[in-house]
C-alpha atoms as a PDB file:
ATOM      1  CA  UNK A   1     -63.044 -12.599  30.927  1.00  0.00           C
ATOM      2  CA  UNK A   2     -60.814 -11.497  28.023  1.00  0.00           C
ATOM      3  CA  UNK A   3     -63.389  -8.940  26.942  1.00  0.00           C
ATOM      4  CA  UNK A   4     -63.609  -7.574  30.494  1.00  0.00           C
ATOM      5  CA  UNK A   5     -59.808  -7.295  30.701  1.00  0.00           C
ATOM      6  CA  UNK A   6     -59.563  -5.417  27.403  1.00  0.00           C
ATOM      7  CA  UNK A   7     -62.351  -3.046  28.383  1.00  0.00           C
ATOM      8  CA  UNK A   8     -60.555  -2.309  31.636  1.00  0.00           C
ATOM      9  CA  UNK A   9     -57.338  -1.547  29.756  1.00  0.00           C
ATOM     10  CA  UNK A  10     -59.216   0.803  27.395  1.00  0.00           C
ATOM     11  CA  UNK A  11     -60.723   2.604  30.373  1.00  0.00           C
ATOM     12  CA  UNK A  12     -57.279   3.007  31.916  1.00  0.00           C
ATOM     13  CA  UNK A  13     -56.046   4.611  28.648  1.00  0.00           C
ATOM     14  CA  UNK A  14     -58.604   7.382  29.047  1.00  0.00           C
ATOM     15  CA  UNK A  15     -60.125   9.395  26.208  1.00  0.00           C
ATOM     16  CA  UNK A  16     -58.652   8.606  22.813  1.00  0.00           C
ATOM     17  CA  UNK A  17     -57.399  11.537  20.639  1.00  0.00           C
ATOM     18  CA  UNK A  18     -58.405  10.703  17.121  1.00  0.00           C
ATOM     19  CA  UNK A  19     -56.049  13.442  15.816  1.00  0.00           C
ATOM     20  CA  UNK A  20     -52.995  12.146  17.639  1.00  0.00           C
ATOM     21  CA  UNK A  21     -51.306  10.874  14.470  1.00  0.00           C
ATOM     22  CA  UNK A  22     -51.943  14.133  12.585  1.00  0.00           C
ATOM     23  CA  UNK A  23     -50.783  16.238  15.576  1.00  0.00           C
ATOM     24  CA  UNK A  24     -47.629  14.145  15.858  1.00  0.00           C
ATOM     25  CA  UNK A  25     -46.874  14.726  12.190  1.00  0.00           C
ATOM     26  CA  UNK A  26     -47.242  18.503  12.614  1.00  0.00           C
ATOM     27  CA  UNK A  27     -45.031  18.579  15.707  1.00  0.00           C
ATOM     28  CA  UNK A  28     -42.414  16.406  13.997  1.00  0.00           C
ATOM     29  CA  UNK A  29     -42.336  18.799  11.025  1.00  0.00           C
ATOM     30  CA  UNK A  30     -41.941  21.800  13.387  1.00  0.00           C
ATOM     31  CA  UNK A  31     -39.151  20.024  15.264  1.00  0.00           C
ATOM     32  CA  UNK A  32     -37.364  19.329  11.978  1.00  0.00           C
ATOM     33  CA  UNK A  33     -37.655  23.010  10.985  1.00  0.00           C
ATOM     34  CA  UNK A  34     -36.296  24.209  14.325  1.00  0.00           C
ATOM     35  CA  UNK A  35     -33.399  21.739  14.153  1.00  0.00           C
ATOM     36  CA  UNK A  36     -32.526  23.051  10.681  1.00  0.00           C
ATOM     37  CA  UNK A  37     -32.595  26.654  11.950  1.00  0.00           C
ATOM     38  CA  UNK A  38     -30.424  25.677  14.924  1.00  0.00           C
ATOM     39  CA  UNK A  39     -27.890  24.060  12.598  1.00  0.00           C
ATOM     40  CA  UNK A  40     -27.828  27.206  10.428  1.00  0.00           C
ATOM     41  CA  UNK A  41     -27.346  29.419  13.502  1.00  0.00           C
ATOM     42  CA  UNK A  42     -24.526  27.226  14.820  1.00  0.00           C
ATOM     43  CA  UNK A  43     -22.813  27.273  11.400  1.00  0.00           C
ATOM     44  CA  UNK A  44     -23.149  31.091  11.217  1.00  0.00           C
ATOM     45  CA  UNK A  45     -21.776  31.456  14.753  1.00  0.00           C
ATOM     46  CA  UNK A  46     -18.806  29.255  13.875  1.00  0.00           C
ATOM     47  CA  UNK A  47     -18.145  31.290  10.724  1.00  0.00           C
ATOM     48  CA  UNK A  48     -18.362  34.589  12.646  1.00  0.00           C
ATOM     49  CA  UNK A  49     -16.031  33.185  15.300  1.00  0.00           C
ATOM     50  CA  UNK A  50     -13.478  32.302  12.634  1.00  0.00           C
ATOM     51  CA  UNK A  51     -13.738  35.786  11.087  1.00  0.00           C
ATOM     52  CA  UNK A  52     -13.420  37.384  14.541  1.00  0.00           C
ATOM     53  CA  UNK A  53     -10.271  35.382  15.247  1.00  0.00           C
ATOM     54  CA  UNK A  54      -8.832  36.487  11.886  1.00  0.00           C
ATOM     55  CA  UNK A  55      -9.673  40.131  12.660  1.00  0.00           C
ATOM     56  CA  UNK A  56      -8.105  39.892  16.124  1.00  0.00           C
ATOM     57  CA  UNK A  57      -4.906  38.460  14.637  1.00  0.00           C
ATOM     58  CA  UNK A  58      -4.832  41.163  11.954  1.00  0.00           C
ATOM     59  CA  UNK A  59      -5.499  43.878  14.545  1.00  0.00           C
ATOM     60  CA  UNK A  60      -2.732  42.585  16.810  1.00  0.00           C
ATOM     61  CA  UNK A  61      -0.263  42.438  13.920  1.00  0.00           C
ATOM     62  CA  UNK A  62      -1.195  45.966  12.778  1.00  0.00           C
ATOM     63  CA  UNK A  63      -1.011  47.321  16.336  1.00  0.00           C
ATOM     64  CA  UNK A  64       2.417  45.826  16.945  1.00  0.00           C
ATOM     65  CA  UNK A  65       3.656  47.049  13.563  1.00  0.00           C
ATOM     66  CA  UNK A  66       2.434  50.573  14.384  1.00  0.00           C
ATOM     67  CA  UNK A  67       3.981  50.308  17.844  1.00  0.00           C
ATOM     68  CA  UNK A  68       7.299  49.383  16.238  1.00  0.00           C
ATOM     69  CA  UNK A  69       7.164  52.372  13.873  1.00  0.00           C
ATOM     70  CA  UNK A  70       6.207  54.798  16.637  1.00  0.00           C
ATOM     71  CA  UNK A  71       8.855  53.335  18.958  1.00  0.00           C
ATOM     72  CA  UNK A  72      11.601  53.733  16.371  1.00  0.00           C
ATOM     73  CA  UNK A  73      10.529  57.323  15.651  1.00  0.00           C
ATOM     74  CA  UNK A  74      10.297  58.095  19.379  1.00  0.00           C
ATOM     75  CA  UNK A  75      13.868  56.906  19.933  1.00  0.00           C
ATOM     76  CA  UNK A  76      15.049  59.177  17.122  1.00  0.00           C
ATOM     77  CA  UNK A  77      13.063  62.231  18.226  1.00  0.00           C
ATOM     78  CA  UNK A  78      13.854  61.813  21.916  1.00  0.00           C
ATOM     79  CA  UNK A  79      17.543  61.803  21.022  1.00  0.00           C
ATOM     80  CA  UNK A  80      17.131  64.974  18.956  1.00  0.00           C
ATOM     81  CA  UNK A  81      14.883  66.867  21.363  1.00  0.00           C
ATOM     82  CA  UNK A  82      16.418  65.732  24.659  1.00  0.00           C
ATOM     83  CA  UNK A  83      19.909  64.713  23.648  1.00  0.00           C
ATOM     84  CA  UNK A  84      19.342  61.437  25.488  1.00  0.00           C
ATOM     85  CA  UNK A  85      17.467  58.167  25.147  1.00  0.00           C
ATOM     86  CA  UNK A  86      13.778  57.436  24.852  1.00  0.00           C
ATOM     87  CA  UNK A  87      11.943  54.115  24.678  1.00  0.00           C
ATOM     88  CA  UNK A  88       8.328  53.054  24.426  1.00  0.00           C
ATOM     89  CA  UNK A  89       7.766  50.164  26.808  1.00  0.00           C
ATOM     90  CA  UNK A  90       4.750  47.980  25.966  1.00  0.00           C
ATOM     91  CA  UNK A  91       2.097  46.997  28.495  1.00  0.00           C
ATOM     92  CA  UNK A  92       0.514  43.623  27.739  1.00  0.00           C
ATOM     93  CA  UNK A  93      -2.290  41.438  29.042  1.00  0.00           C
ATOM     94  CA  UNK A  94      -0.472  38.298  30.271  1.00  0.00           C
ATOM     95  CA  UNK A  95      -3.531  36.102  29.825  1.00  0.00           C
ATOM     96  CA  UNK A  96      -4.348  37.130  26.245  1.00  0.00           C
ATOM     97  CA  UNK A  97      -0.848  38.171  25.212  1.00  0.00           C
ATOM     98  CA  UNK A  98      -2.262  41.382  23.749  1.00  0.00           C
ATOM     99  CA  UNK A  99      -0.779  44.870  23.710  1.00  0.00           C
ATOM    100  CA  UNK A 100      -2.924  47.001  26.020  1.00  0.00           C
ATOM    101  CA  UNK A 101      -0.881  50.188  26.488  1.00  0.00           C
ATOM    102  CA  UNK A 102       2.552  51.750  26.649  1.00  0.00           C
ATOM    103  CA  UNK A 103       4.852  53.720  28.914  1.00  0.00           C
ATOM    104  CA  UNK A 104       7.364  56.437  28.058  1.00  0.00           C
ATOM    105  CA  UNK A 105      10.812  55.710  29.482  1.00  0.00           C
ATOM    106  CA  UNK A 106      13.045  58.744  28.933  1.00  0.00           C
ATOM    107  CA  UNK A 107      16.621  59.358  30.031  1.00  0.00           C
ATOM    108  CA  UNK A 108      17.858  62.871  29.157  1.00  0.00           C
ATOM    109  CA  UNK A 109      21.535  63.383  28.530  1.00  0.00           C
ATOM    110  CA  UNK A 110      23.490  63.564  31.785  1.00  0.00           C
ATOM    111  CA  UNK A 111      20.752  61.963  33.913  1.00  0.00           C
ATOM    112  CA  UNK A 112      20.317  58.404  35.163  1.00  0.00           C
ATOM    113  CA  UNK A 113      16.559  58.364  35.735  1.00  0.00           C
ATOM    114  CA  UNK A 114      14.112  56.943  33.180  1.00  0.00           C
ATOM    115  CA  UNK A 115      10.990  57.964  35.097  1.00  0.00           C
ATOM    116  CA  UNK A 116       8.904  60.758  33.603  1.00  0.00           C
ATOM    117  CA  UNK A 117       7.842  61.896  37.085  1.00  0.00           C
ATOM    118  CA  UNK A 118      11.446  62.750  37.978  1.00  0.00           C
ATOM    119  CA  UNK A 119      12.079  64.951  34.940  1.00  0.00           C
ATOM    120  CA  UNK A 120      11.815  68.716  34.843  1.00  0.00           C
ATOM    121  CA  UNK A 121       8.800  70.404  33.278  1.00  0.00           C
ATOM    122  CA  UNK A 122      10.807  71.249  30.167  1.00  0.00           C
ATOM    123  CA  UNK A 123      12.103  67.679  29.827  1.00  0.00           C
ATOM    124  CA  UNK A 124       8.607  66.226  30.230  1.00  0.00           C
ATOM    125  CA  UNK A 125       7.365  68.655  27.602  1.00  0.00           C
ATOM    126  CA  UNK A 126      10.074  67.648  25.140  1.00  0.00           C
ATOM    127  CA  UNK A 127       9.409  63.951  25.815  1.00  0.00           C
ATOM    128  CA  UNK A 128       5.683  64.476  25.234  1.00  0.00           C
ATOM    129  CA  UNK A 129       6.394  66.355  22.010  1.00  0.00           C
ATOM    130  CA  UNK A 130       8.727  63.590  20.856  1.00  0.00           C
ATOM    131  CA  UNK A 131       5.894  61.108  21.390  1.00  0.00           C
ATOM    132  CA  UNK A 132       3.383  63.373  19.656  1.00  0.00           C
ATOM    133  CA  UNK A 133       5.619  63.718  16.612  1.00  0.00           C
ATOM    134  CA  UNK A 134       6.358  59.985  16.672  1.00  0.00           C
ATOM    135  CA  UNK A 135       2.621  59.284  16.328  1.00  0.00           C
ATOM    136  CA  UNK A 136       2.963  60.671  12.815  1.00  0.00           C
ATOM    137  CA  UNK A 137       4.513  57.303  11.961  1.00  0.00           C
ATOM    138  CA  UNK A 138       1.555  55.253  13.174  1.00  0.00           C
ATOM    139  CA  UNK A 139      -0.555  55.645  10.040  1.00  0.00           C
ATOM    140  CA  UNK A 140       1.748  53.729   7.738  1.00  0.00           C
ATOM    141  CA  UNK A 141       5.200  53.372   6.329  1.00  0.00           C
ATOM    142  CA  UNK A 142       7.040  56.626   5.771  1.00  0.00           C
ATOM    143  CA  UNK A 143       5.204  58.527   8.491  1.00  0.00           C
ATOM    144  CA  UNK A 144       1.986  58.995   6.524  1.00  0.00           C
ATOM    145  CA  UNK A 145      -1.353  59.873   8.019  1.00  0.00           C
ATOM    146  CA  UNK A 146      -0.599  60.228  11.720  1.00  0.00           C
ATOM    147  CA  UNK A 147      -1.023  63.936  12.410  1.00  0.00           C
ATOM    148  CA  UNK A 148      -3.158  65.785   9.874  1.00  0.00           C
ATOM    149  CA  UNK A 149      -3.918  68.448  12.504  1.00  0.00           C
ATOM    150  CA  UNK A 150      -2.531  69.118  15.985  1.00  0.00           C
ATOM    151  CA  UNK A 151      -3.566  71.800  18.473  1.00  0.00           C
ATOM    152  CA  UNK A 152      -0.771  72.734  20.886  1.00  0.00           C
ATOM    153  CA  UNK A 153      -1.686  75.004  23.795  1.00  0.00           C
ATOM    154  CA  UNK A 154       1.310  76.729  25.438  1.00  0.00           C
ATOM    155  CA  UNK A 155       3.454  73.601  25.102  1.00  0.00           C
ATOM    156  CA  UNK A 156       6.542  75.789  24.668  1.00  0.00           C
ATOM    157  CA  UNK A 157       5.952  77.750  27.890  1.00  0.00           C
ATOM    158  CA  UNK A 158       8.445  75.739  30.021  1.00  0.00           C
ATOM    159  CA  UNK A 159      11.105  75.606  27.286  1.00  0.00           C
ATOM    160  CA  UNK A 160      14.243  77.710  27.089  1.00  0.00           C
ATOM    161  CA  UNK A 161      15.418  79.402  23.895  1.00  0.00           C
ATOM    162  CA  UNK A 162      17.508  76.450  22.672  1.00  0.00           C
ATOM    163  CA  UNK A 163      14.691  73.954  23.212  1.00  0.00           C
ATOM    164  CA  UNK A 164      12.191  76.247  21.526  1.00  0.00           C
ATOM    165  CA  UNK A 165      14.446  76.288  18.456  1.00  0.00           C
ATOM    166  CA  UNK A 166      14.495  72.498  18.443  1.00  0.00           C
ATOM    167  CA  UNK A 167      10.724  72.436  18.860  1.00  0.00           C
ATOM    168  CA  UNK A 168      10.082  74.884  16.003  1.00  0.00           C
ATOM    169  CA  UNK A 169      12.458  72.932  13.741  1.00  0.00           C
ATOM    170  CA  UNK A 170      10.214  69.902  14.256  1.00  0.00           C
ATOM    171  CA  UNK A 171       7.126  71.983  13.495  1.00  0.00           C
ATOM    172  CA  UNK A 172       8.634  73.067  10.186  1.00  0.00           C
ATOM    173  CA  UNK A 173       9.689  69.509   9.353  1.00  0.00           C
ATOM    174  CA  UNK A 174       6.216  68.089   9.866  1.00  0.00           C
ATOM    175  CA  UNK A 175       4.467  71.060   8.280  1.00  0.00           C
ATOM    176  CA  UNK A 176       6.498  70.331   5.132  1.00  0.00           C
ATOM    177  CA  UNK A 177       4.993  66.796   5.174  1.00  0.00           C
ATOM    178  CA  UNK A 178       1.450  68.150   5.226  1.00  0.00           C
ATOM    179  CA  UNK A 179       0.658  68.318   8.941  1.00  0.00           C
ATOM    180  CA  UNK A 180      -1.045  71.457  10.256  1.00  0.00           C
ATOM    181  CA  UNK A 181      -0.502  72.988  13.678  1.00  0.00           C
ATOM    182  CA  UNK A 182      -2.600  75.451  15.649  1.00  0.00           C
ATOM    183  CA  UNK A 183      -0.463  76.994  18.388  1.00  0.00           C
ATOM    184  CA  UNK A 184      -1.346  79.035  21.437  1.00  0.00           C
ATOM    185  CA  UNK A 185       1.914  80.701  22.458  1.00  0.00           C
ATOM    186  CA  UNK A 186       3.587  83.817  23.796  1.00  0.00           C
ATOM    187  CA  UNK A 187       7.060  82.840  22.598  1.00  0.00           C
ATOM    188  CA  UNK A 188       8.545  85.061  19.873  1.00  0.00           C
ATOM    189  CA  UNK A 189      10.689  82.222  18.506  1.00  0.00           C
ATOM    190  CA  UNK A 190       7.587  80.100  17.968  1.00  0.00           C
ATOM    191  CA  UNK A 191       5.753  82.973  16.278  1.00  0.00           C
ATOM    192  CA  UNK A 192       8.616  83.364  13.832  1.00  0.00           C
ATOM    193  CA  UNK A 193       7.873  80.026  12.123  1.00  0.00           C
ATOM    194  CA  UNK A 194       4.086  80.529  11.923  1.00  0.00           C
ATOM    195  CA  UNK A 195       2.486  81.132   8.533  1.00  0.00           C
ATOM    196  CA  UNK A 196      -0.279  83.192  10.115  1.00  0.00           C
ATOM    197  CA  UNK A 197      -0.733  84.974  13.418  1.00  0.00           C
ATOM    198  CA  UNK A 198      -3.934  85.890  15.203  1.00  0.00           C
ATOM    199  CA  UNK A 199      -3.932  87.806  18.445  1.00  0.00           C
ATOM    200  CA  UNK A 200      -5.208  90.642  20.587  1.00  0.00           C
ATOM    201  CA  UNK A 201      -3.219  93.786  21.310  1.00  0.00           C
ATOM    202  CA  UNK A 202      -3.967  97.154  22.892  1.00  0.00           C
ATOM    203  CA  UNK A 203      -3.421 100.608  21.472  1.00  0.00           C
ATOM    204  CA  UNK A 204      -2.357 103.763  23.287  1.00  0.00           C
ATOM    205  CA  UNK A 205      -5.873 104.334  24.586  1.00  0.00           C
ATOM    206  CA  UNK A 206      -6.003 100.879  26.130  1.00  0.00           C
ATOM    207  CA  UNK A 207      -8.625  99.577  23.725  1.00  0.00           C
ATOM    208  CA  UNK A 208      -8.191  95.970  22.566  1.00  0.00           C
ATOM    209  CA  UNK A 209      -8.154  95.044  18.915  1.00  0.00           C
ATOM    210  CA  UNK A 210      -7.715  91.790  17.042  1.00  0.00           C
ATOM    211  CA  UNK A 211      -4.835  91.470  14.598  1.00  0.00           C
ATOM    212  CA  UNK A 212      -4.292  88.958  11.820  1.00  0.00           C
ATOM    213  CA  UNK A 213      -0.898  88.749  10.138  1.00  0.00           C
ATOM    214  CA  UNK A 214       0.328  86.375   7.461  1.00  0.00           C
ATOM    215  CA  UNK A 215       3.973  85.776   6.710  1.00  0.00           C
ATOM    216  CA  UNK A 216       4.904  87.836   3.669  1.00  0.00           C
ATOM    217  CA  UNK A 217       2.240  90.447   4.337  1.00  0.00           C
ATOM    218  CA  UNK A 218       3.239  93.936   5.406  1.00  0.00           C
ATOM    219  CA  UNK A 219       3.073  93.646   9.162  1.00  0.00           C
ATOM    220  CA  UNK A 220       2.473  96.685  11.403  1.00  0.00           C
ATOM    221  CA  UNK A 221       5.289  98.036  13.498  1.00  0.00           C
ATOM    222  CA  UNK A 222       3.530  96.909  16.671  1.00  0.00           C
ATOM    223  CA  UNK A 223       4.668  93.783  18.490  1.00  0.00           C
ATOM    224  CA  UNK A 224       3.300  90.674  16.696  1.00  0.00           C
ATOM    225  CA  UNK A 225       0.440  89.007  18.514  1.00  0.00           C
ATOM    226  CA  UNK A 226       0.426  85.495  19.895  1.00  0.00           C
ATOM    227  CA  UNK A 227      -0.473  82.725  17.502  1.00  0.00           C
END
């Protein structure tokens, strides 16, 4: 009876895998290897996460420091160019507490509005130029590295003579610091401060010709071309 019972149990077990122990050893070794790789990957992910958090903090600090420098310069330049007040208002992500953008709030002398949309074309131009020049302070302390080259296309078109003089004074100030400006203009006062002029003029026959004039060179008697 005992023999019959044991035979029945063996039959219920089914075919016996003679390599089961060896297969189990191989699978256990593979599992151990995969667990080690998973631990390495989790450690690397944690390390990268820590570095990313450090970079985000450093970026936020640098961005806010640059924003402070640009904001201080914008207040100064807005006062000089507009005779009023100018502020950079930060836009932030409430959830992350990060600086995401900025707004220009400008109040020219004698006006109560701070909205750019309610300013005249000349006032908006001067406010935009004040911001452009203020960006020169974003690269570092002392206004270094912000504007190595700027291309300005007819930005002085809506300005009157007095504002053009203020604008060209800023061009000369920043050019002395190493910034370069390429200007498209038809204003004589702007041409006066340029180191070189390139333009197209017409002679008596109506034919067009290109002129190039550098300050200090003997210029022709004809009207100087646009920059």
